[in-house]
């Protein structure tokens, strides 16, 4: 089953983000997919690796995009994120963001 999560970009464009009801097979790939959809990275998303820098390296990743990504992760993975849990370090690389999600999932 696919649920759709409505996301708005800072340009005012609204799109629907598909959230799959499936077991978490690969946290890194799930996050990569969320980033691709929320930031509209297109084919660039395919080149993201755990060492890929995010914050400061992707022009699409601004403060509004961070909020959108956090909301999408909360919806997809089923956890909530408190303000004091997030810092710029969380979004340093795809790997640091994956580690944060894995920690939230208890892994």
Protein backbone atom coordinates (compact mmCIF):
# COMPACT_ATOMS: atom_id res chain seq x y z
CA UNK A 1 0.00 0.00 0.00
CA UNK A 2 1.25 3.49 -0.82
CA UNK A 3 0.31 6.51 1.24
CA UNK A 4 0.96 9.98 -0.02
CA UNK A 5 2.45 12.67 2.17
CA UNK A 6 1.97 16.24 1.00
CA UNK A 7 5.15 18.32 0.93
CA UNK A 8 5.59 21.95 0.02
CA UNK A 9 8.78 23.47 -1.31
CA UNK A 10 10.03 26.96 -0.56
CA UNK A 11 8.92 27.99 -4.08
CA UNK A 12 5.34 27.23 -3.03
CA UNK A 13 5.06 24.15 -5.23
CA UNK A 14 3.30 21.28 -3.50
CA UNK A 15 3.84 17.66 -4.40
CA UNK A 16 2.85 14.31 -2.99
CA UNK A 17 5.60 12.13 -1.54
CA UNK A 18 4.88 8.40 -1.74
CA UNK A 19 5.44 6.64 1.55
CA UNK A 20 5.52 2.87 1.26
CA UNK A 21 4.07 0.52 3.85
CA UNK A 22 6.92 -1.97 3.65
CA UNK A 23 9.52 -3.31 6.03
CA UNK A 24 12.61 -1.15 6.16
CA UNK A 25 14.98 -3.00 3.89
CA UNK A 26 17.73 -0.43 3.55
CA UNK A 27 17.71 2.75 5.61
CA UNK A 28 20.30 4.44 3.40
CA UNK A 29 18.27 3.75 0.26
CA UNK A 30 15.03 4.90 1.93
CA UNK A 31 16.66 8.18 2.98
CA UNK A 32 18.23 8.59 -0.46
CA UNK A 33 14.76 8.18 -1.99
CA UNK A 34 13.25 10.70 0.44
CA UNK A 35 16.01 13.19 -0.37
CA UNK A 36 15.55 12.65 -4.11
CA UNK A 37 11.83 13.30 -3.88
CA UNK A 38 11.82 16.16 -1.39
CA UNK A 39 14.77 17.99 -2.96
CA UNK A 40 13.82 17.06 -6.53
CA UNK A 41 17.39 15.90 -7.22
CA UNK A 42 16.57 13.94 -10.35
CA UNK A 43 19.41 11.73 -11.59
CA UNK A 44 21.88 13.35 -9.16
CA UNK A 45 20.33 11.27 -6.38
CA UNK A 46 21.81 8.13 -7.92
CA UNK A 47 25.32 9.34 -7.17
CA UNK A 48 24.71 9.88 -3.45
CA UNK A 49 26.82 7.64 -1.21
CA UNK A 50 27.07 7.50 2.59
CA UNK A 51 30.06 9.87 2.33
CA UNK A 52 28.22 12.40 0.16
CA UNK A 53 28.06 15.81 1.83
CA UNK A 54 24.54 17.20 2.18
CA UNK A 55 24.24 20.44 4.15
CA UNK A 56 26.21 23.13 2.35
CA UNK A 57 26.81 20.91 -0.68
CA UNK A 58 23.29 20.59 -2.07
CA UNK A 59 21.83 24.01 -2.90
CA UNK A 60 18.33 22.55 -2.59
CA UNK A 61 18.95 21.67 1.08
CA UNK A 62 17.95 24.87 2.83
CA UNK A 63 16.24 25.31 6.19
CA UNK A 64 12.76 24.78 4.75
CA UNK A 65 13.92 21.61 3.00
CA UNK A 66 15.34 20.30 6.29
CA UNK A 67 11.90 20.67 7.88
CA UNK A 68 10.28 18.91 4.92
CA UNK A 69 12.79 16.05 5.08
CA UNK A 70 12.31 15.65 8.84
CA UNK A 71 8.54 15.52 8.37
CA UNK A 72 8.87 12.95 5.58
CA UNK A 73 11.20 10.81 7.71
CA UNK A 74 8.82 10.98 10.67
CA UNK A 75 5.96 9.83 8.44
CA UNK A 76 7.94 7.13 6.65
CA UNK A 77 9.81 5.64 9.60
CA UNK A 78 7.14 6.26 12.26
CA UNK A 79 9.15 8.21 14.81
CA UNK A 80 9.14 11.81 16.01
CA UNK A 81 12.07 14.18 16.16
CA UNK A 82 12.46 16.76 18.91
CA UNK A 83 14.18 20.06 18.13
CA UNK A 84 17.03 19.30 20.53
CA UNK A 85 17.84 16.06 18.66
CA UNK A 86 18.77 17.81 15.42
CA UNK A 87 21.88 19.77 14.56
CA UNK A 88 23.79 20.64 11.40
CA UNK A 89 25.94 17.57 12.07
CA UNK A 90 22.89 15.35 11.49
CA UNK A 91 22.70 16.58 7.89
CA UNK A 92 26.47 16.63 7.27
CA UNK A 93 26.44 13.54 5.01
CA UNK A 94 24.03 10.87 3.85
CA UNK A 95 25.81 8.57 6.31
CA UNK A 96 25.28 10.84 9.31
CA UNK A 97 21.61 11.22 8.43
CA UNK A 98 21.30 7.44 8.09
CA UNK A 99 23.02 6.93 11.46
CA UNK A 100 20.53 9.34 13.05
CA UNK A 101 17.58 7.42 11.59
CA UNK A 102 19.07 4.07 12.61
CA UNK A 103 19.51 5.39 16.16
CA UNK A 104 15.88 6.59 16.20
CA UNK A 105 14.77 3.16 15.00
CA UNK A 106 16.69 1.54 17.82
CA UNK A 107 19.29 -0.02 15.57
